[in-house]
Amino acid sequence: MGGDMSAHACMTGSMLVLLALCMALPAAAAPGEVSFDQIIKGNNGHRLSEWGRRYENGEGVGRDVDRAVRLYCKAAAQGDAAAHYYLGWMYAMGRVGSRNDDLAAAWFYRAAQKKDSHAKRMLARLGYRGKPKADAICVLSDGRRVDGQGAVIVSKPRRGGLRIARDHPATGPIATMVRQLAPEYRLNPNLVLAVVEVESNFDPQAQSEKNAQGLMQLIPATAERFGVQDIWDPEQNLRGGMAYLRWLMQRFEGDLELVLAAYNAGEAAVERHGGIPPFAETQVYVRRVIERLN
């Protein structure tokens, strides 16, 4: 009997070890799963709009409003009336950062020209008569524009010379949460993911010698400043860090190098030195985040 129990315990222990190993491995793609890169290459406007709806609402895929905009934009260029309406709706509802009635009206007008009755009602609700003055353009949550092929238009770098040139490869629940929350703060999810990686390596329980805490390494004063009640709660920590990043983006007019330096050393230090402070820690920090963005 004792031998049987030992064997059972051994088997149970082995199963637990195997389970732990499986949980540590990245999830494999489901058979037949289609990647976003494959979807965006399509030229069927109706199909692109359908996928846009999925990404906008998180139906079967991770919610990503920027990917939705890219899909709708290409679908609109293919002449799909629904895509024009969906773009208007996203900008009218503030689903891509701040609400933008002028941009919404421009897209609703395009849809109304294609006999979309819902778009006509939305134009009336927004108080627009005749052709809106704004151009119907596709704008992402971080302000970048998208062309008719759904591709992000790479603009000339700002003074700091830093631009976001690639998608961050992070996966898992934290990365998914970042991609869902970042558009609310008009931030590029790739920027936030790079900051989280450098700050805490995605560890919600990380704590530094200087008492910076959680995923985005907030010090208690910064957490309080941006309304974080539980600094160890992953979502609250992310929201506090993103609110601070958005504030810094406005303070330093979108210069990402100065924003990153201020996130590490404080905005007062950046202003006092007229740029990235001559602190080894801050200079290494900015360089590390830039490496992950480019």
Protein backbone atom coordinates (compact mmCIF):
# COMPACT_ATOMS: atom_id res chain seq x y z
CA MET A 1 0.00 0.00 0.00
CA GLY A 2 2.82 2.37 0.93
CA GLY A 3 4.52 1.64 -2.40
CA ASP A 4 1.32 2.43 -4.32
CA MET A 5 0.93 5.73 -2.48
CA SER A 6 4.54 6.70 -3.23
CA ALA A 7 4.08 5.95 -6.90
CA HIS A 8 0.88 7.99 -6.97
CA ALA A 9 2.64 10.93 -5.28
CA CYS A 10 5.50 10.66 -7.74
CA MET A 11 3.12 10.68 -10.69
CA THR A 12 1.21 13.63 -9.22
CA GLY A 13 4.43 15.55 -8.70
CA SER A 14 5.53 14.80 -12.26
CA MET A 15 2.20 16.00 -13.62
CA LEU A 16 2.51 19.24 -11.65
CA VAL A 17 6.01 19.81 -13.01
CA LEU A 18 4.80 19.17 -16.57
CA LEU A 19 1.85 21.49 -16.01
CA ALA A 20 4.16 24.24 -14.75
CA LEU A 21 6.43 23.80 -17.76
CA CYS A 22 3.48 23.97 -20.13
CA MET A 23 2.20 27.14 -18.48
CA ALA A 24 5.63 28.73 -18.90
CA LEU A 25 5.66 28.07 -22.65
CA PRO A 26 4.14 30.65 -25.02
CA ALA A 27 0.71 29.72 -26.26
CA ALA A 28 0.73 28.13 -29.70
CA ALA A 29 -1.39 29.63 -32.42
CA ALA A 30 -4.66 27.84 -32.94
CA PRO A 31 -4.92 25.75 -36.14
CA GLY A 32 -6.00 28.00 -38.98
CA GLU A 33 -5.52 31.19 -36.96
CA VAL A 34 -4.96 34.21 -39.17
CA SER A 35 -2.43 36.85 -38.16
CA PHE A 36 -3.10 40.58 -38.40
CA ASP A 37 -0.35 40.93 -41.01
CA GLN A 38 -2.19 38.43 -43.20
CA ILE A 39 -5.55 40.13 -42.67
CA ILE A 40 -4.33 43.64 -43.54
CA LYS A 41 -2.99 42.35 -46.89
CA GLY A 42 -6.52 41.52 -48.03
CA ASN A 43 -8.40 43.63 -50.57
CA ASN A 44 -11.99 42.71 -49.79
CA GLY A 45 -13.43 45.86 -48.18
CA HIS A 46 -16.34 44.07 -46.52
CA ARG A 47 -14.05 41.41 -45.06
CA LEU A 48 -11.59 44.03 -43.80
CA SER A 49 -14.46 45.84 -42.07
CA GLU A 50 -15.56 42.62 -40.39
CA TRP A 51 -12.08 42.12 -39.00
CA GLY A 52 -12.00 45.77 -37.96
CA ARG A 53 -15.12 45.19 -35.87
CA ARG A 54 -13.48 42.21 -34.22
CA TYR A 55 -10.41 44.20 -33.23
CA GLU A 56 -12.49 47.20 -32.15
CA ASN A 57 -14.61 45.09 -29.80
CA GLY A 58 -12.22 42.28 -28.91
CA GLU A 59 -14.32 39.57 -30.55
CA GLY A 60 -12.15 36.47 -30.86
CA VAL A 61 -8.99 38.61 -30.90
CA GLY A 62 -7.35 40.99 -28.45
CA ARG A 63 -9.04 44.39 -28.48
CA ASP A 64 -6.82 46.83 -30.41
CA VAL A 65 -8.38 50.07 -31.64
CA ASP A 66 -5.32 51.02 -33.69
CA ARG A 67 -5.53 47.79 -35.66
CA ALA A 68 -9.24 48.40 -36.09
CA VAL A 69 -8.52 51.85 -37.53
CA ARG A 70 -5.96 50.43 -39.94
CA LEU A 71 -8.39 47.79 -41.17
CA TYR A 72 -11.27 50.26 -41.50
CA CYS A 73 -9.03 52.73 -43.31
CA LYS A 74 -8.05 50.19 -45.95
CA ALA A 75 -11.65 48.99 -46.22
CA ALA A 76 -12.81 52.59 -46.73
CA ALA A 77 -10.23 53.03 -49.48
CA GLN A 78 -11.73 49.91 -51.10
CA GLY A 79 -15.11 51.69 -51.07
CA ASP A 80 -16.78 49.90 -48.15
CA ALA A 81 -19.51 52.20 -46.79
CA ALA A 82 -19.62 50.45 -43.42
CA ALA A 83 -15.94 51.23 -42.85
CA HIS A 84 -16.62 54.95 -43.34
CA TYR A 85 -19.37 54.78 -40.72
CA TYR A 86 -17.31 52.75 -38.25
CA LEU A 87 -14.44 55.24 -38.44
CA GLY A 88 -16.88 58.08 -37.79
CA TRP A 89 -18.32 56.20 -34.84
CA MET A 90 -14.88 55.53 -33.29
CA TYR A 91 -13.87 59.19 -33.46
CA ALA A 92 -17.29 60.39 -32.27
CA MET A 93 -17.23 58.08 -29.25
CA GLY A 94 -13.62 58.83 -28.29
CA ARG A 95 -12.57 55.24 -28.88
CA VAL A 96 -9.28 56.38 -30.41
CA GLY A 97 -8.07 58.75 -27.71
CA SER A 98 -9.97 62.01 -27.30
CA ARG A 99 -13.34 62.53 -28.95
CA ASN A 100 -13.02 64.31 -32.31
CA ASP A 101 -16.37 65.49 -33.68
CA ASP A 102 -14.87 67.16 -36.75
CA LEU A 103 -13.06 64.01 -37.84
CA ALA A 104 -16.12 61.92 -37.01
CA ALA A 105 -18.31 64.18 -39.13
CA ALA A 106 -15.89 63.92 -42.05
CA TRP A 107 -16.22 60.14 -42.03
CA PHE A 108 -19.99 60.17 -41.42
CA TYR A 109 -20.31 62.52 -44.40
CA ARG A 110 -18.42 60.04 -46.58
CA ALA A 111 -20.74 57.24 -45.40
CA ALA A 112 -23.82 59.41 -45.97
CA GLN A 113 -22.65 60.00 -49.54
CA LYS A 114 -22.90 56.24 -49.92
CA LYS A 115 -26.56 56.33 -48.80
CA ASP A 116 -25.88 55.21 -45.21
CA SER A 117 -28.94 56.36 -43.24
CA HIS A 118 -27.26 55.85 -39.86
CA ALA A 119 -24.47 58.21 -40.90
CA LYS A 120 -27.00 60.86 -41.88
CA ARG A 121 -28.59 60.66 -38.44
CA MET A 122 -25.20 60.92 -36.75
CA LEU A 123 -24.34 64.03 -38.78
CA ALA A 124 -27.61 65.62 -37.63
CA ARG A 125 -26.90 64.63 -34.03
CA LEU A 126 -23.45 66.22 -34.23
CA GLY A 127 -25.01 69.38 -35.67
CA TYR A 128 -23.30 69.27 -39.06
CA ARG A 129 -25.04 70.49 -42.22
CA GLY A 130 -23.35 70.31 -45.56
CA LYS A 131 -19.81 69.12 -46.11
CA PRO A 132 -17.59 69.22 -42.97
CA LYS A 133 -14.41 71.28 -43.15
CA ALA A 134 -12.18 68.51 -41.79
CA ASP A 135 -10.60 65.94 -44.09
CA ALA A 136 -11.51 62.29 -43.65
CA ILE A 137 -8.16 60.95 -42.50
CA CYS A 138 -7.26 57.93 -40.39
CA VAL A 139 -5.54 58.80 -37.12
CA LEU A 140 -4.25 56.32 -34.54
CA SER A 141 -4.38 56.67 -30.78
CA ASP A 142 -0.88 58.18 -30.67
CA GLY A 143 -1.61 60.74 -33.41
CA ARG A 144 0.08 58.93 -36.28
CA ARG A 145 -1.77 58.69 -39.58
CA VAL A 146 -2.63 55.68 -41.71
CA ASP A 147 -2.67 55.51 -45.50
CA GLY A 148 -5.21 53.82 -47.78
CA GLN A 149 -3.38 50.50 -47.53
CA GLY A 150 -3.72 50.45 -43.76
CA ALA A 151 -0.02 51.20 -43.29
CA VAL A 152 1.20 53.58 -40.61
CA ILE A 153 2.72 56.71 -42.14
CA VAL A 154 6.18 57.23 -40.69
CA SER A 155 6.60 60.91 -39.98
CA LYS A 156 9.83 62.82 -39.57
CA PRO A 157 11.22 62.28 -36.06
CA ARG A 158 10.84 65.07 -33.54
CA ARG A 159 13.75 66.97 -32.04
CA GLY A 160 14.77 64.02 -29.88
CA GLY A 161 15.22 61.87 -33.01
CA LEU A 162 13.24 59.01 -31.48
CA ARG A 163 10.41 57.24 -33.23
CA ILE A 164 8.63 53.94 -32.65
CA ALA A 165 9.70 51.65 -35.45
CA ARG A 166 8.42 48.21 -34.47
CA ASP A 167 5.70 46.34 -32.63
CA HIS A 168 6.70 45.10 -29.18
CA PRO A 169 6.74 41.28 -29.12
CA ALA A 170 5.37 40.90 -25.56
CA THR A 171 2.50 38.47 -25.06
CA GLY A 172 0.44 37.38 -22.08
CA PRO A 173 -2.18 39.03 -19.83
CA ILE A 174 -0.08 42.08 -18.90
CA ALA A 175 0.75 42.84 -22.55
CA THR A 176 -2.91 42.39 -23.48
CA MET A 177 -3.96 44.79 -20.72
CA VAL A 178 -1.44 47.39 -21.90
CA ARG A 179 -2.72 47.18 -25.48
CA GLN A 180 -6.28 47.61 -24.24
CA LEU A 181 -5.58 50.55 -21.92
CA ALA A 182 -2.98 52.57 -23.86
CA PRO A 183 -5.43 54.06 -26.40
CA GLU A 184 -7.45 55.56 -23.53
CA TYR A 185 -4.38 57.67 -22.72
CA ARG A 186 -3.55 58.37 -26.38
CA LEU A 187 -0.32 56.42 -26.03
CA ASN A 188 1.30 53.97 -28.41
CA PRO A 189 1.06 50.54 -26.71
CA ASN A 190 4.57 49.71 -27.94
CA LEU A 191 5.96 52.66 -25.97
CA VAL A 192 4.18 51.58 -22.80
CA LEU A 193 5.29 47.97 -23.23
CA ALA A 194 8.90 49.07 -23.67
CA VAL A 195 8.70 51.17 -20.50
CA VAL A 196 7.13 48.30 -18.52
CA GLU A 197 9.82 45.91 -19.77
CA VAL A 198 12.67 48.21 -18.75
CA GLU A 199 11.05 49.25 -15.47
CA SER A 200 9.94 45.90 -14.07
CA ASN A 201 10.35 43.20 -16.74
CA PHE A 202 6.56 42.71 -16.45
CA ASP A 203 6.72 41.79 -12.74
CA PRO A 204 3.69 43.27 -10.88
CA GLN A 205 5.51 42.77 -7.54
CA ALA A 206 8.76 44.49 -8.53
CA GLN A 207 10.16 46.97 -6.01
CA SER A 208 13.35 49.01 -6.27
CA GLU A 209 15.74 50.23 -3.59
CA LYS A 210 14.19 53.68 -4.04
CA ASN A 211 10.71 52.25 -3.29
CA ALA A 212 9.48 52.41 -6.88
CA GLN A 213 6.75 49.79 -7.07
CA GLY A 214 4.85 47.59 -9.47
CA LEU A 215 4.82 47.20 -13.24
CA MET A 216 5.61 50.83 -14.04
CA GLN A 217 7.70 51.38 -10.91
CA LEU A 218 5.64 54.20 -9.44
CA ILE A 219 6.89 55.90 -6.32
CA PRO A 220 4.11 56.50 -3.77
CA ALA A 221 4.03 60.26 -4.45
CA THR A 222 3.51 59.74 -8.19
CA ALA A 223 0.89 57.07 -7.54
CA GLU A 224 -1.05 59.46 -5.32
CA ARG A 225 -0.60 62.28 -7.82
CA PHE A 226 -2.33 60.28 -10.53
CA GLY A 227 -5.07 58.71 -8.43
CA VAL A 228 -3.67 55.23 -7.84
CA GLN A 229 -5.26 53.77 -4.72
CA ASP A 230 -3.66 50.30 -4.81
CA ILE A 231 -0.16 50.55 -6.25
CA TRP A 232 0.18 46.75 -6.36
CA ASP A 233 -2.93 46.26 -8.48
CA PRO A 234 -1.60 45.72 -12.05
CA GLU A 235 -4.35 47.70 -13.80
CA GLN A 236 -4.18 50.63 -11.37
CA ASN A 237 -0.39 50.69 -11.61
CA LEU A 238 -0.54 50.69 -15.42
CA ARG A 239 -3.16 53.42 -15.44
CA GLY A 240 -1.10 55.58 -13.09
CA GLY A 241 2.04 55.14 -15.19
CA MET A 242 0.18 55.85 -18.43
CA ALA A 243 -1.46 58.94 -16.95
CA TYR A 244 2.01 60.18 -16.00
CA LEU A 245 3.39 59.40 -19.48
CA ARG A 246 0.48 61.27 -21.11
CA TRP A 247 1.10 64.25 -18.82
CA LEU A 248 4.79 64.22 -19.73
CA MET A 249 3.95 63.97 -23.45
CA GLN A 250 2.00 67.19 -23.13
CA ARG A 251 4.65 68.84 -20.95
CA PHE A 252 7.48 68.08 -23.40
CA GLU A 253 5.44 68.41 -26.61
CA GLY A 254 5.79 64.78 -27.63
CA ASP A 255 9.60 64.65 -27.49
CA LEU A 256 9.92 61.00 -26.48
CA GLU A 257 13.52 61.21 -25.32
CA LEU A 258 12.66 64.00 -22.89
CA VAL A 259 9.51 62.16 -21.83
CA LEU A 260 11.51 59.04 -21.01
CA ALA A 261 14.18 61.01 -19.19
CA ALA A 262 11.52 62.77 -17.13
CA TYR A 263 9.78 59.48 -16.34
CA ASN A 264 13.05 58.22 -14.88
CA ALA A 265 14.51 61.34 -13.26
CA GLY A 266 11.49 63.64 -12.88
CA GLU A 267 10.35 66.52 -15.05
CA ALA A 268 12.11 69.08 -12.84
CA ALA A 269 15.51 67.48 -13.53
CA VAL A 270 14.91 67.56 -17.30
CA GLU A 271 13.88 71.21 -17.19
CA ARG A 272 16.76 72.15 -14.91
CA HIS A 273 19.33 70.61 -17.27
CA GLY A 274 17.59 71.67 -20.46
CA GLY A 275 17.46 68.09 -21.77
CA ILE A 276 18.39 64.59 -20.67
CA PRO A 277 20.09 65.00 -17.27
CA PRO A 278 23.76 63.96 -16.99
CA PHE A 279 22.83 61.04 -14.74
CA ALA A 280 24.26 57.69 -15.76
CA GLU A 281 21.10 55.86 -14.65
CA THR A 282 18.83 58.13 -16.69
CA GLN A 283 20.99 58.04 -19.79
CA VAL A 284 21.17 54.22 -19.67
CA TYR A 285 17.40 54.07 -19.06
CA VAL A 286 16.57 56.21 -22.10
CA ARG A 287 18.96 54.20 -24.28
CA ARG A 288 17.45 50.89 -23.16
CA VAL A 289 13.89 51.97 -23.94
CA ILE A 290 14.95 53.37 -27.31
CA GLU A 291 16.60 50.05 -28.19
CA ARG A 292 13.29 48.30 -27.59
CA LEU A 293 11.39 50.82 -29.71
CA ASN A 294 13.78 50.58 -32.65
